[in-house]
Each structure stands twice: as structure tokens, then as C-alpha cells.
């Protein structure tokens, strides 16, 4: 399905029935990734689940900003008449959800922020710039090397050291290498665009929030997520063990349980 929003035709999926939950994906991935584990669990729990492709996945002119992604998410919520509703975001998607909760609290009843940050730091900036330089150089990395790099950056040591599990992950990564379209390249710019701290601004978020940190996350270490939780009044923080940046795929049962428990607890 498609929603005609200002400046973009957004591709989305609408699954199940009940109170709505909107899932916002991180950089470089389609909203369909949520359908592996999160959508089935939420639908089984009685929720209506909306997933969609951010700009960069959905065709759009390069040069967009996080504010554009926030506006897209708000536009989809309004287009479907969902607000106020629950939202879940991971990585870049968590930043979008946090900014939406700040700018349009009328659209958000509860927010879950997974693997997030509220300020820049040297290592994350260096990682982003290095990845950007590789993409812009035009160098073609062999699929097996790319698969190994993705595994090391995004999975926990528990997964990396489990021969059966890591064999499956490496096969998936090698068979589905990242295709750096102009849209994905623009998303990469967003991933490193946080130039100043947003933590002081997050103190104005009044929406009930759960912040989930992944203990073995190298891309966005859990101390950065914990800082976000500490900045948002009344936010809950949970740190999940044996999870890398892809914690919602590595240990979906514990991630889904944390989300569903938070939803069931209702508003503070």
C-alpha cells in the first residue's frame, strides 16, 4: 500500500487489528525487517501493526533530513488516522520517534526507543565517516568480506561465537549485500548528522518512553541509550544481554517481551 504524503509516496504495510503500533526502522533497511519477529508477536498480542519504508528506501530526492523523516512518520499517522498511538523505533528510527514525541506529542501515546543516542561522540562519528568514505570511493568490497564486517559491527559475541548461528547470519549477509543507492547513501549522511547534543531538548518529552539498550552494541553502545533514558522525564530503561545492534533480530523473544510489558503497563 502507498500513502501520498508531501514530497513522497510512502510504501507501508498494515497488519492485524486492535490498537495501532507504528514501527520505524533504522538506516539501510526496509520496514519489512520488522515482519520477521516483531509484527507476528504484536499481532498475536492483539495489536494492529503498521510498518513502512523510510525515505531512502521509498524513492525520494537525496538531501533529506531527520526532520523530513519525522514529518513522514507524522504524515503517515495522520493519513491513517492513528494518533495518538504507540511507536517503536530502532537506531535512526529511534531518533525519529524521539523527535516526533518532542514535536508532535499529540500523535504519540507511548514510545519505545531501541539502540539510540542523544549526542555525538568521536567513535560513532569516525565509524560513520569511514563508512561514507568507502561508499564514496566506489570500491567494491567482496560479498564475503562485507558479510564478515556486518556481522562484527552488528552482532553480539554470543552470536559470533556460536558456529551454527553465525553460519546462518553470514549466509544471509553474503546473499544480500547492501546496494548503495542514492537514497541509502543519503540515509548514511543522516546516521552521522548528529552534530550537537539533543539530551537537553529531550527533557521536554512528556510521552511515556521505554529506552532499550543492547549490551553488546558496538554501533550505539548501551551507555548512549541510557543517557537518553536519563534525559527523558520518567523514562524506563532496560539493557538486554547478549544483544548487538541487531538485538531485535538476535533475541527477538526478550525484546518483544520488554515492548509488550511496557505497552501493557499503560501510561505513567
Protein backbone atom coordinates (compact mmCIF):
# COMPACT_ATOMS: atom_id res chain seq x y z
CA UNK A 1 0.00 0.00 0.00
CA UNK A 2 1.06 3.59 -0.54
CA UNK A 3 0.35 6.85 1.25
CA UNK A 4 0.67 10.06 -0.76
CA UNK A 5 2.44 12.45 1.61
CA UNK A 6 4.08 15.82 0.93
CA UNK A 7 7.14 15.16 -1.23
CA UNK A 8 6.93 11.37 -1.15
CA UNK A 9 4.78 8.33 -1.82
CA UNK A 10 5.40 6.17 1.25
CA UNK A 11 5.16 2.38 1.00
CA UNK A 12 3.60 0.80 4.08
CA UNK A 13 2.07 -2.43 5.40
CA UNK A 14 -0.93 -2.61 7.75
CA UNK A 15 -1.30 -5.91 9.62
CA UNK A 16 -3.69 -7.15 12.29
CA UNK A 17 -6.38 -5.35 14.24
CA UNK A 18 -6.65 -3.62 17.58
CA UNK A 19 -4.81 -0.62 18.98
CA UNK A 20 -2.22 0.62 16.46
CA UNK A 21 1.55 0.37 16.76
CA UNK A 22 3.84 2.06 14.22
CA UNK A 23 7.34 0.57 13.80
CA UNK A 24 10.12 2.83 12.48
CA UNK A 25 13.19 1.11 11.03
CA UNK A 26 16.80 2.26 11.19
CA UNK A 27 19.08 3.25 8.34
CA UNK A 28 19.67 0.95 5.41
CA UNK A 29 16.76 -1.46 5.93
CA UNK A 30 13.19 -1.85 4.75
CA UNK A 31 10.27 -1.78 7.14
CA UNK A 32 9.70 -5.40 6.14
CA UNK A 33 12.52 -6.40 8.51
CA UNK A 34 10.07 -5.91 11.38
CA UNK A 35 7.92 -8.69 9.89
CA UNK A 36 10.46 -11.37 10.81
CA UNK A 37 9.76 -11.21 14.54
CA UNK A 38 8.10 -8.05 15.86
CA UNK A 39 4.99 -7.90 13.67
CA UNK A 40 3.90 -11.51 14.40
CA UNK A 41 4.39 -11.04 18.16
CA UNK A 42 2.48 -7.76 18.25
CA UNK A 43 -0.37 -9.06 16.10
CA UNK A 44 -0.65 -12.16 18.28
CA UNK A 45 -0.85 -9.85 21.32
CA UNK A 46 -3.84 -8.09 19.73
CA UNK A 47 -2.28 -5.03 18.10
CA UNK A 48 -2.65 -3.55 14.64
CA UNK A 49 0.88 -3.02 13.30
CA UNK A 50 1.99 -0.51 10.67
CA UNK A 51 5.43 -0.73 9.09
CA UNK A 52 6.81 1.45 6.32
CA UNK A 53 9.88 2.29 4.28
CA UNK A 54 11.71 5.45 5.28
CA UNK A 55 12.92 7.91 2.67
CA UNK A 56 15.92 6.37 1.01
CA UNK A 57 14.11 3.05 0.84
CA UNK A 58 11.00 4.68 -0.60
CA UNK A 59 12.23 6.73 -3.59
CA UNK A 60 12.93 10.36 -2.76
CA UNK A 61 15.36 13.06 -3.73
CA UNK A 62 18.64 12.86 -1.77
CA UNK A 63 19.33 15.67 0.67
CA UNK A 64 16.55 14.93 3.15
CA UNK A 65 16.94 15.37 6.91
CA UNK A 66 15.82 13.68 10.10
CA UNK A 67 13.10 16.34 10.29
CA UNK A 68 11.81 15.05 6.94
CA UNK A 69 11.64 11.53 8.35
CA UNK A 70 9.79 12.85 11.39
CA UNK A 71 7.34 14.66 9.11
CA UNK A 72 6.87 11.48 7.04
CA UNK A 73 6.08 9.45 10.14
CA UNK A 74 3.67 12.09 11.43
CA UNK A 75 2.07 12.28 7.99
CA UNK A 76 1.52 8.52 7.87
CA UNK A 77 0.00 8.50 11.38
CA UNK A 78 -2.37 11.30 10.35
CA UNK A 79 -3.10 9.75 6.94
CA UNK A 80 -4.25 6.54 8.62
CA UNK A 81 -6.00 8.33 11.48
CA UNK A 82 -3.95 6.50 14.10
CA UNK A 83 -2.96 9.20 16.57
CA UNK A 84 -2.28 9.17 19.37
CA UNK A 85 -0.67 5.75 19.00
CA UNK A 86 2.28 3.68 20.13
CA UNK A 87 5.56 3.95 18.20
CA UNK A 88 8.68 1.79 18.25
CA UNK A 89 11.95 2.81 16.61
CA UNK A 90 15.42 1.34 16.41
CA UNK A 91 18.71 3.19 15.77
CA UNK A 92 17.93 6.03 13.33
CA UNK A 93 14.26 5.09 13.70
CA UNK A 94 14.51 5.63 17.47
CA UNK A 95 15.84 9.13 16.86
CA UNK A 96 12.86 9.78 14.58
CA UNK A 97 10.43 8.55 17.24
CA UNK A 98 12.08 10.67 19.95
CA UNK A 99 11.90 13.79 17.81
CA UNK A 100 8.26 13.02 16.93
CA UNK A 101 7.41 12.64 20.62
CA UNK A 102 9.01 16.03 21.20
CA UNK A 103 7.45 17.86 18.23
CA UNK A 104 4.04 16.14 18.00
CA UNK A 105 3.15 14.60 21.37
CA UNK A 106 -0.49 14.61 20.25
CA UNK A 107 0.36 11.75 17.88
CA UNK A 108 2.25 9.55 20.38
CA UNK A 109 0.74 7.64 23.32
CA UNK A 110 3.82 5.55 24.16
CA UNK A 111 7.29 5.37 22.61
CA UNK A 112 9.95 2.65 22.56
CA UNK A 113 13.47 3.75 21.62
CA UNK A 114 15.90 0.91 20.89
CA UNK A 115 19.65 1.29 20.34
CA UNK A 116 19.59 5.06 20.37
CA UNK A 117 21.68 8.10 21.28
CA UNK A 118 21.15 11.75 22.09
CA UNK A 119 24.59 13.19 21.41
CA UNK A 120 27.53 12.77 19.05
CA UNK A 121 30.76 11.10 20.12
CA UNK A 122 34.14 10.64 18.49
CA UNK A 123 33.96 6.91 17.78
CA UNK A 124 30.50 6.95 16.23
CA UNK A 125 31.50 9.92 14.06
CA UNK A 126 34.65 8.11 12.94
CA UNK A 127 32.70 4.94 12.12
CA UNK A 128 30.16 6.88 10.06
CA UNK A 129 32.75 8.91 8.18
CA UNK A 130 34.82 5.81 7.41
CA UNK A 131 31.79 4.02 6.00
CA UNK A 132 30.89 7.11 3.97
CA UNK A 133 34.41 7.29 2.53
CA UNK A 134 34.31 3.64 1.48
CA UNK A 135 30.95 4.09 -0.26
CA UNK A 136 32.02 7.29 -1.99
CA UNK A 137 35.30 5.75 -3.16
CA UNK A 138 33.41 3.31 -5.37
CA UNK A 139 35.48 0.40 -4.08
CA UNK A 140 33.64 -2.90 -4.46
CA UNK A 141 34.05 -4.95 -1.31
CA UNK A 142 33.79 -8.71 -1.92
CA UNK A 143 30.49 -10.07 -0.56
CA UNK A 144 32.19 -12.38 1.93
CA UNK A 145 34.26 -9.54 3.39
CA UNK A 146 31.17 -7.34 3.62
CA UNK A 147 29.30 -10.15 5.38
CA UNK A 148 32.08 -10.52 7.95
CA UNK A 149 32.22 -6.74 8.53
CA UNK A 150 28.45 -6.51 9.01
CA UNK A 151 28.49 -9.41 11.45
CA UNK A 152 31.30 -7.92 13.54
CA UNK A 153 29.63 -4.48 13.66
CA UNK A 154 26.08 -5.60 14.39
CA UNK A 155 26.03 -8.91 16.28
CA UNK A 156 26.96 -9.87 19.82
CA UNK A 157 29.94 -12.08 20.75
CA UNK A 158 27.40 -14.69 21.84
CA UNK A 159 26.19 -14.95 18.23
CA UNK A 160 29.63 -14.54 16.68
CA UNK A 161 30.98 -17.47 18.70
CA UNK A 162 28.04 -19.79 18.01
CA UNK A 163 29.13 -21.66 14.88
CA UNK A 164 25.63 -22.67 13.78
CA UNK A 165 24.12 -19.24 14.37
CA UNK A 166 26.90 -17.23 12.76
CA UNK A 167 26.97 -19.52 9.73
CA UNK A 168 23.33 -18.65 9.08
CA UNK A 169 23.93 -14.93 9.58
CA UNK A 170 26.96 -14.90 7.27
CA UNK A 171 24.96 -16.70 4.57
CA UNK A 172 22.18 -14.11 4.83
CA UNK A 173 24.60 -11.18 4.69
CA UNK A 174 26.58 -12.63 1.79
CA UNK A 175 23.44 -13.31 -0.25
CA UNK A 176 22.00 -9.86 0.42
CA UNK A 177 24.82 -7.31 0.18
CA UNK A 178 23.98 -3.64 0.72
CA UNK A 179 23.22 -1.91 -2.58
CA UNK A 180 24.23 1.72 -2.11
CA UNK A 181 21.52 3.55 -3.99
CA UNK A 182 21.43 7.37 -3.77
CA UNK A 183 18.67 7.03 -1.18
CA UNK A 184 20.67 4.74 1.09
CA UNK A 185 23.69 6.98 0.67
CA UNK A 186 21.51 9.88 1.88
CA UNK A 187 20.45 7.80 4.90
CA UNK A 188 24.12 7.27 5.69
CA UNK A 189 24.50 11.04 5.91
CA UNK A 190 21.68 11.10 8.48
CA UNK A 191 23.38 8.40 10.52
CA UNK A 192 26.35 10.73 11.12
CA UNK A 193 24.48 14.06 11.07
CA UNK A 194 24.00 14.44 14.83
CA UNK A 195 26.30 17.41 15.40
CA UNK A 196 25.16 18.58 18.83
CA UNK A 197 23.53 17.03 21.87
CA UNK A 198 19.76 16.61 21.94
CA UNK A 199 19.71 15.47 25.56
CA UNK A 200 18.66 18.85 26.97
CA UNK A 201 15.81 19.02 24.43
CA UNK A 202 14.67 15.51 25.39
CA UNK A 203 13.96 16.81 28.88
CA UNK A 204 10.77 18.29 27.36
CA UNK A 205 9.43 14.93 26.19
CA UNK A 206 6.31 14.13 28.20
CA UNK A 207 5.31 10.96 26.35
CA UNK A 208 5.80 7.71 28.31
CA UNK A 209 9.02 6.16 26.96
CA UNK A 210 10.87 2.87 27.20
CA UNK A 211 14.52 3.00 26.17
CA UNK A 212 16.17 -0.32 25.30
CA UNK A 213 19.94 -0.64 25.24
CA UNK A 214 21.70 -3.65 23.75
CA UNK A 215 24.60 -4.71 25.97
CA UNK A 216 26.96 -5.74 23.15
CA UNK A 217 26.05 -2.97 20.69
CA UNK A 218 29.19 -1.56 19.05
CA UNK A 219 27.37 0.86 16.76
CA UNK A 220 25.40 2.56 19.54
CA UNK A 221 26.69 1.29 22.89
CA UNK A 222 24.16 0.99 25.71
CA UNK A 223 25.58 3.89 27.72
CA UNK A 224 24.35 6.21 24.95
CA UNK A 225 20.85 4.74 25.20
CA UNK A 226 20.94 5.05 28.98
CA UNK A 227 21.78 8.74 28.65
CA UNK A 228 18.62 9.20 26.56
CA UNK A 229 16.54 7.44 29.22
CA UNK A 230 18.04 9.64 31.93
CA UNK A 231 17.24 12.77 29.91
CA UNK A 232 13.55 11.95 29.35
CA UNK A 233 11.43 12.53 32.47
CA UNK A 234 10.04 9.27 33.82
CA UNK A 235 11.51 7.12 31.02
CA UNK A 236 12.19 3.47 31.76
CA UNK A 237 15.49 1.89 30.77
CA UNK A 238 16.21 -1.77 30.17
CA UNK A 239 19.50 -3.24 28.98
CA UNK A 240 19.35 -6.60 27.26
CA UNK A 241 22.27 -9.01 27.44
CA UNK A 242 23.72 -10.96 24.50
CA UNK A 243 22.41 -8.41 22.01
CA UNK A 244 24.36 -6.43 19.45
CA UNK A 245 22.96 -3.63 17.29
CA UNK A 246 20.60 -6.16 15.72
CA UNK A 247 19.31 -7.22 19.13
CA UNK A 248 15.70 -7.20 17.96
CA UNK A 249 16.71 -9.91 15.45
CA UNK A 250 19.24 -11.76 17.62
CA UNK A 251 16.99 -12.13 20.69
CA UNK A 252 13.52 -11.19 19.47
CA UNK A 253 11.72 -13.00 22.29
CA UNK A 254 13.27 -10.88 25.05
CA UNK A 255 12.96 -7.68 23.01
CA UNK A 256 9.31 -8.35 22.21
CA UNK A 257 8.58 -9.25 25.83
CA UNK A 258 10.06 -5.93 27.03
CA UNK A 259 7.98 -3.97 24.49
CA UNK A 260 4.75 -5.81 25.27
CA UNK A 261 5.25 -5.45 29.02
CA UNK A 262 5.73 -1.70 28.61
CA UNK A 263 2.63 -1.40 26.44
CA UNK A 264 0.56 -3.41 28.91
CA UNK A 265 1.67 -1.16 31.79
CA UNK A 266 -0.05 1.76 30.04
CA UNK A 267 0.65 5.44 30.62
CA UNK A 268 2.55 6.65 33.62
